[in-house]
Amino acid sequence: MRVKGFEERTMDKLEQMINKWLEENLNAEVIDIKYDYGRGMSDVFSALIIYKSI
């Protein structure tokens, strides 16, 4: 299994980035996607895609 991480300032931008990656990596079988929102000095939306190459 492999992991790909993303982070952006807005949820819309994060989803756009994830969708673009998925379109470019058609050989990736997604196992799970984990979302998180970090509050603090800089609010950041993040996601991890757990996948395997097929």
Protein backbone atom coordinates (compact mmCIF):
# COMPACT_ATOMS: atom_id res chain seq x y z
CA MET A 1 0.00 0.00 0.00
CA ARG A 2 1.01 3.58 -0.59
CA VAL A 3 -0.03 6.95 0.84
CA LYS A 4 -0.44 10.30 -0.89
CA GLY A 5 -0.89 13.46 1.20
CA PHE A 6 -2.51 16.78 0.32
CA GLU A 7 -3.08 20.08 2.10
CA GLU A 8 -4.84 23.31 1.15
CA ARG A 9 -6.38 26.39 2.73
CA THR A 10 -9.97 25.58 1.65
CA MET A 11 -11.94 22.37 1.35
CA ASP A 12 -12.88 23.23 -2.26
CA LYS A 13 -9.22 23.54 -3.29
CA LEU A 14 -8.37 20.34 -1.43
CA GLU A 15 -11.12 18.43 -3.25
CA GLN A 16 -10.00 19.85 -6.60
CA MET A 17 -6.42 18.73 -5.91
CA ILE A 18 -7.58 15.23 -4.91
CA ASN A 19 -9.82 14.89 -7.98
CA LYS A 20 -6.99 15.99 -10.28
CA TRP A 21 -4.64 13.42 -8.72
CA LEU A 22 -7.25 10.67 -9.08
CA GLU A 23 -7.78 11.57 -12.77
CA GLU A 24 -4.02 11.43 -13.38
CA ASN A 25 -3.58 8.11 -11.48
CA LEU A 26 -6.16 5.79 -12.95
CA ASN A 27 -4.01 2.82 -11.90
CA ALA A 28 -4.57 3.65 -8.20
CA GLU A 29 -7.08 1.55 -6.29
CA VAL A 30 -8.22 3.74 -3.39
CA ILE A 31 -8.44 1.89 -0.08
CA ASP A 32 -9.39 4.89 2.09
CA ILE A 33 -9.34 8.70 2.22
CA LYS A 34 -8.77 10.41 5.57
CA TYR A 35 -9.62 14.10 6.02
CA ASP A 36 -8.43 16.42 8.77
CA TYR A 37 -8.71 20.10 9.65
CA GLY A 38 -5.90 21.69 11.60
CA ARG A 39 -6.63 24.79 13.63
CA GLY A 40 -3.92 27.01 14.96
CA MET A 41 -1.50 29.51 13.47
CA SER A 42 -2.64 28.53 9.98
CA ASP A 43 -5.94 26.76 9.35
CA VAL A 44 -5.29 23.94 6.89
CA PHE A 45 -7.45 21.21 5.39
CA SER A 46 -5.55 18.01 4.72
CA ALA A 47 -6.19 14.55 3.35
CA LEU A 48 -4.38 11.26 3.01
CA ILE A 49 -5.24 8.79 0.29
CA ILE A 50 -4.33 5.20 1.09
CA TYR A 51 -4.10 3.27 -2.17
CA LYS A 52 -2.41 0.49 -4.06
CA SER A 53 -1.22 0.49 -7.65
CA ILE A 54 -2.99 -1.96 -9.93
